[in-house]
Amino acid sequence: MTYTPFAVLWVLLAVIVLVLIGYRKLVSNKEDETLHLGSGTEAIPAQQVEIAHKLDAIDKWGKLLTVVVVIYGLLLLAAYTYQTWLSPNTRIGL
């Protein structure tokens, strides 16, 4: 059995996670890092609220895809190791 399609899918998912990291960095550069103290949200500009919502969505997808990439990679590694272990062509020792 060849694992090439599964490995390509894993690499694609990992690249998507890396793109999300870069996109989050790009969006967070526009964020105002000052602390707004007040009685309500009227002191916070609407643009900052929008950026905060974008960052929350990016973080949610980033965390989810990171977990998927790690679990998928571990399962792929386990399947490859198991198949190699059972392969009759593998010689161990001298």
N, C-alpha and C. Protein backbone atom coordinates (compact mmCIF):
# COMPACT_ATOMS: atom_id res chain seq x y z
N MET A 1 0.85 -1.18 0.00
CA MET A 1 0.00 0.00 0.00
C MET A 1 0.89 1.24 0.00
N THR A 2 0.53 2.19 -0.80
CA THR A 2 1.29 3.42 -0.86
C THR A 2 0.60 4.50 -0.02
N TYR A 3 1.40 5.24 0.69
CA TYR A 3 0.87 6.28 1.58
C TYR A 3 1.02 7.67 0.98
N THR A 4 1.40 7.76 -0.27
CA THR A 4 1.63 9.06 -0.89
C THR A 4 0.40 9.97 -0.87
N PRO A 5 -0.79 9.50 -1.26
CA PRO A 5 -1.95 10.41 -1.21
C PRO A 5 -2.26 10.89 0.21
N PHE A 6 -2.08 10.01 1.19
CA PHE A 6 -2.34 10.40 2.57
C PHE A 6 -1.30 11.40 3.07
N ALA A 7 -0.06 11.21 2.67
CA ALA A 7 1.00 12.15 3.06
C ALA A 7 0.80 13.50 2.39
N VAL A 8 0.36 13.50 1.13
CA VAL A 8 0.08 14.76 0.44
C VAL A 8 -1.06 15.51 1.14
N LEU A 9 -2.08 14.79 1.54
CA LEU A 9 -3.18 15.42 2.28
C LEU A 9 -2.69 15.99 3.60
N TRP A 10 -1.83 15.26 4.29
CA TRP A 10 -1.29 15.75 5.56
C TRP A 10 -0.46 17.02 5.34
N VAL A 11 0.35 17.04 4.30
CA VAL A 11 1.16 18.23 3.99
C VAL A 11 0.25 19.40 3.63
N LEU A 12 -0.80 19.14 2.87
CA LEU A 12 -1.75 20.20 2.51
C LEU A 12 -2.41 20.80 3.76
N LEU A 13 -2.83 19.95 4.68
CA LEU A 13 -3.42 20.44 5.93
C LEU A 13 -2.41 21.24 6.75
N ALA A 14 -1.16 20.78 6.78
CA ALA A 14 -0.12 21.50 7.52
C ALA A 14 0.14 22.86 6.89
N VAL A 15 0.12 22.93 5.57
CA VAL A 15 0.32 24.22 4.88
C VAL A 15 -0.84 25.16 5.19
N ILE A 16 -2.04 24.64 5.26
CA ILE A 16 -3.20 25.47 5.60
C ILE A 16 -3.03 26.04 7.01
N VAL A 17 -2.54 25.24 7.94
CA VAL A 17 -2.29 25.73 9.30
C VAL A 17 -1.24 26.84 9.27
N LEU A 18 -0.19 26.66 8.49
CA LEU A 18 0.85 27.69 8.39
C LEU A 18 0.31 28.97 7.75
N VAL A 19 -0.55 28.84 6.76
CA VAL A 19 -1.17 30.01 6.14
C VAL A 19 -2.05 30.74 7.16
N LEU A 20 -2.78 29.98 7.98
CA LEU A 20 -3.60 30.60 9.02
C LEU A 20 -2.73 31.35 10.03
N ILE A 21 -1.56 30.81 10.35
CA ILE A 21 -0.65 31.51 11.26
C ILE A 21 -0.21 32.84 10.65
N GLY A 22 0.14 32.81 9.38
CA GLY A 22 0.55 34.04 8.70
C GLY A 22 -0.59 35.04 8.60
N TYR A 23 -1.79 34.55 8.28
CA TYR A 23 -2.95 35.44 8.18
C TYR A 23 -3.29 36.05 9.53
N ARG A 24 -3.18 35.27 10.59
CA ARG A 24 -3.44 35.80 11.93
C ARG A 24 -2.45 36.90 12.28
N LYS A 25 -1.19 36.68 11.93
CA LYS A 25 -0.16 37.68 12.18
C LYS A 25 -0.47 38.96 11.40
N LEU A 26 -0.92 38.82 10.17
CA LEU A 26 -1.25 39.97 9.34
C LEU A 26 -2.43 40.75 9.92
N VAL A 27 -3.46 40.04 10.37
CA VAL A 27 -4.63 40.70 10.95
C VAL A 27 -4.29 41.34 12.29
N SER A 28 -3.47 40.67 13.09
CA SER A 28 -3.15 41.20 14.42
C SER A 28 -2.25 42.43 14.36
N ASN A 29 -1.58 42.66 13.23
CA ASN A 29 -0.77 43.88 13.10
C ASN A 29 -1.63 45.13 13.12
N LYS A 30 -2.90 45.01 12.72
CA LYS A 30 -3.83 46.15 12.69
C LYS A 30 -4.51 46.37 14.04
N GLU A 31 -4.26 45.48 14.98
CA GLU A 31 -4.94 45.53 16.27
C GLU A 31 -4.36 46.63 17.15
N ASP A 32 -5.24 47.35 17.82
CA ASP A 32 -4.83 48.36 18.80
C ASP A 32 -4.60 47.65 20.12
N GLU A 33 -3.39 47.74 20.64
CA GLU A 33 -3.03 46.98 21.84
C GLU A 33 -3.19 47.77 23.13
N THR A 34 -3.92 48.87 23.09
CA THR A 34 -4.14 49.64 24.30
C THR A 34 -5.33 49.07 25.06
N LEU A 35 -5.27 49.22 26.36
CA LEU A 35 -6.34 48.74 27.22
C LEU A 35 -7.37 49.84 27.39
N HIS A 36 -8.62 49.55 27.03
CA HIS A 36 -9.69 50.53 27.13
C HIS A 36 -10.47 50.28 28.42
N LEU A 37 -10.39 51.21 29.32
CA LEU A 37 -11.14 51.11 30.57
C LEU A 37 -12.34 52.03 30.49
N GLY A 38 -13.47 51.53 30.86
CA GLY A 38 -14.66 52.35 30.82
C GLY A 38 -15.86 51.55 31.26
N SER A 39 -17.02 52.20 31.19
CA SER A 39 -18.23 51.56 31.65
C SER A 39 -18.83 50.62 30.61
N GLY A 40 -18.43 50.75 29.38
CA GLY A 40 -19.02 49.90 28.35
C GLY A 40 -18.12 49.80 27.14
N THR A 41 -18.70 49.31 26.07
CA THR A 41 -17.92 49.12 24.85
C THR A 41 -17.94 50.34 23.94
N GLU A 42 -18.57 51.44 24.37
CA GLU A 42 -18.66 52.61 23.51
C GLU A 42 -17.29 53.27 23.29
N ALA A 43 -16.33 53.00 24.17
CA ALA A 43 -15.00 53.60 24.02
C ALA A 43 -14.13 52.80 23.04
N ILE A 44 -14.53 51.61 22.70
CA ILE A 44 -13.75 50.76 21.81
C ILE A 44 -14.21 51.01 20.37
N PRO A 45 -13.30 51.37 19.49
CA PRO A 45 -13.68 51.61 18.10
C PRO A 45 -14.25 50.35 17.44
N ALA A 46 -15.17 50.54 16.51
CA ALA A 46 -15.82 49.42 15.84
C ALA A 46 -14.81 48.57 15.07
N GLN A 47 -13.78 49.22 14.55
CA GLN A 47 -12.75 48.49 13.80
C GLN A 47 -12.05 47.48 14.71
N GLN A 48 -11.80 47.85 15.95
CA GLN A 48 -11.13 46.94 16.89
C GLN A 48 -12.01 45.77 17.26
N VAL A 49 -13.30 46.01 17.36
CA VAL A 49 -14.25 44.92 17.64
C VAL A 49 -14.26 43.94 16.47
N GLU A 50 -14.25 44.48 15.25
CA GLU A 50 -14.23 43.63 14.06
C GLU A 50 -12.95 42.81 14.00
N ILE A 51 -11.82 43.43 14.30
CA ILE A 51 -10.54 42.71 14.30
C ILE A 51 -10.55 41.61 15.37
N ALA A 52 -11.12 41.91 16.54
CA ALA A 52 -11.19 40.91 17.60
C ALA A 52 -12.03 39.71 17.16
N HIS A 53 -13.13 39.96 16.47
CA HIS A 53 -13.97 38.85 15.98
C HIS A 53 -13.23 38.03 14.92
N LYS A 54 -12.49 38.70 14.04
CA LYS A 54 -11.70 37.97 13.04
C LYS A 54 -10.65 37.10 13.71
N LEU A 55 -9.97 37.66 14.70
CA LEU A 55 -8.94 36.90 15.41
C LEU A 55 -9.53 35.70 16.14
N ASP A 56 -10.71 35.87 16.71
CA ASP A 56 -11.38 34.75 17.38
C ASP A 56 -11.70 33.62 16.39
N ALA A 57 -12.19 33.99 15.21
CA ALA A 57 -12.52 32.99 14.20
C ALA A 57 -11.25 32.30 13.69
N ILE A 58 -10.20 33.06 13.45
CA ILE A 58 -8.94 32.48 12.99
C ILE A 58 -8.38 31.55 14.06
N ASP A 59 -8.44 31.96 15.30
CA ASP A 59 -7.93 31.12 16.40
C ASP A 59 -8.72 29.81 16.50
N LYS A 60 -10.04 29.91 16.35
CA LYS A 60 -10.88 28.71 16.44
C LYS A 60 -10.49 27.71 15.35
N TRP A 61 -10.41 28.16 14.11
CA TRP A 61 -10.06 27.28 13.00
C TRP A 61 -8.61 26.81 13.11
N GLY A 62 -7.73 27.69 13.57
CA GLY A 62 -6.33 27.31 13.71
C GLY A 62 -6.14 26.20 14.73
N LYS A 63 -6.81 26.32 15.86
CA LYS A 63 -6.71 25.28 16.89
C LYS A 63 -7.30 23.96 16.39
N LEU A 64 -8.46 24.04 15.75
CA LEU A 64 -9.12 22.84 15.25
C LEU A 64 -8.25 22.13 14.21
N LEU A 65 -7.75 22.89 13.24
CA LEU A 65 -6.93 22.28 12.19
C LEU A 65 -5.60 21.77 12.72
N THR A 66 -5.05 22.43 13.72
CA THR A 66 -3.80 21.96 14.32
C THR A 66 -4.01 20.60 14.97
N VAL A 67 -5.10 20.45 15.69
CA VAL A 67 -5.42 19.16 16.32
C VAL A 67 -5.62 18.09 15.25
N VAL A 68 -6.34 18.44 14.17
CA VAL A 68 -6.58 17.49 13.09
C VAL A 68 -5.26 17.07 12.45
N VAL A 69 -4.36 18.04 12.20
CA VAL A 69 -3.07 17.73 11.57
C VAL A 69 -2.24 16.81 12.47
N VAL A 70 -2.20 17.09 13.75
CA VAL A 70 -1.40 16.26 14.66
C VAL A 70 -1.97 14.85 14.76
N ILE A 71 -3.27 14.72 14.95
CA ILE A 71 -3.88 13.39 15.07
C ILE A 71 -3.76 12.62 13.76
N TYR A 72 -4.01 13.28 12.64
CA TYR A 72 -3.90 12.63 11.34
C TYR A 72 -2.46 12.17 11.09
N GLY A 73 -1.50 13.01 11.45
CA GLY A 73 -0.10 12.65 11.28
C GLY A 73 0.29 11.46 12.14
N LEU A 74 -0.19 11.43 13.38
CA LEU A 74 0.11 10.30 14.26
C LEU A 74 -0.53 9.01 13.75
N LEU A 75 -1.76 9.11 13.26
CA LEU A 75 -2.42 7.92 12.70
C LEU A 75 -1.70 7.44 11.44
N LEU A 76 -1.26 8.36 10.62
CA LEU A 76 -0.52 8.00 9.41
C LEU A 76 0.79 7.32 9.76
N LEU A 77 1.48 7.87 10.74
CA LEU A 77 2.74 7.27 11.19
C LEU A 77 2.50 5.88 11.78
N ALA A 78 1.45 5.74 12.57
CA ALA A 78 1.14 4.44 13.16
C ALA A 78 0.80 3.41 12.09
N ALA A 79 0.01 3.80 11.09
CA ALA A 79 -0.35 2.87 10.01
C ALA A 79 0.88 2.46 9.21
N TYR A 80 1.75 3.42 8.92
CA TYR A 80 2.97 3.12 8.17
C TYR A 80 3.89 2.18 8.98
N THR A 81 4.02 2.47 10.26
CA THR A 81 4.86 1.64 11.13
C THR A 81 4.29 0.24 11.24
N TYR A 82 2.99 0.12 11.38
CA TYR A 82 2.34 -1.18 11.48
C TYR A 82 2.52 -1.99 10.20
N GLN A 83 2.33 -1.33 9.05
CA GLN A 83 2.50 -2.03 7.79
C GLN A 83 3.95 -2.46 7.59
N THR A 84 4.88 -1.63 7.96
CA THR A 84 6.30 -1.97 7.85
C THR A 84 6.63 -3.14 8.77
N TRP A 85 6.05 -3.15 9.94
CA TRP A 85 6.29 -4.21 10.91
C TRP A 85 5.80 -5.56 10.38
N LEU A 86 4.66 -5.55 9.70
CA LEU A 86 4.08 -6.80 9.20
C LEU A 86 4.60 -7.19 7.82
N SER A 87 5.34 -6.33 7.19
CA SER A 87 5.81 -6.61 5.83
C SER A 87 6.79 -7.79 5.84
N PRO A 88 6.57 -8.80 4.97
CA PRO A 88 7.47 -9.96 4.94
C PRO A 88 8.82 -9.64 4.31
N ASN A 89 8.93 -8.53 3.61
CA ASN A 89 10.18 -8.16 2.94
C ASN A 89 11.16 -7.46 3.87
N THR A 90 10.74 -7.13 5.06
CA THR A 90 11.60 -6.42 6.01
C THR A 90 12.47 -7.42 6.75
N ARG A 91 13.78 -7.20 6.75
CA ARG A 91 14.70 -8.08 7.48
C ARG A 91 15.27 -7.31 8.65
N ILE A 92 15.22 -7.93 9.78
CA ILE A 92 15.78 -7.34 11.00
C ILE A 92 16.98 -8.17 11.40
N GLY A 93 18.08 -7.50 11.69
CA GLY A 93 19.28 -8.22 12.11
C GLY A 93 20.15 -8.58 10.93
N LEU A 94 21.07 -9.51 11.15
CA LEU A 94 22.02 -9.92 10.11
C LEU A 94 21.55 -11.11 9.33
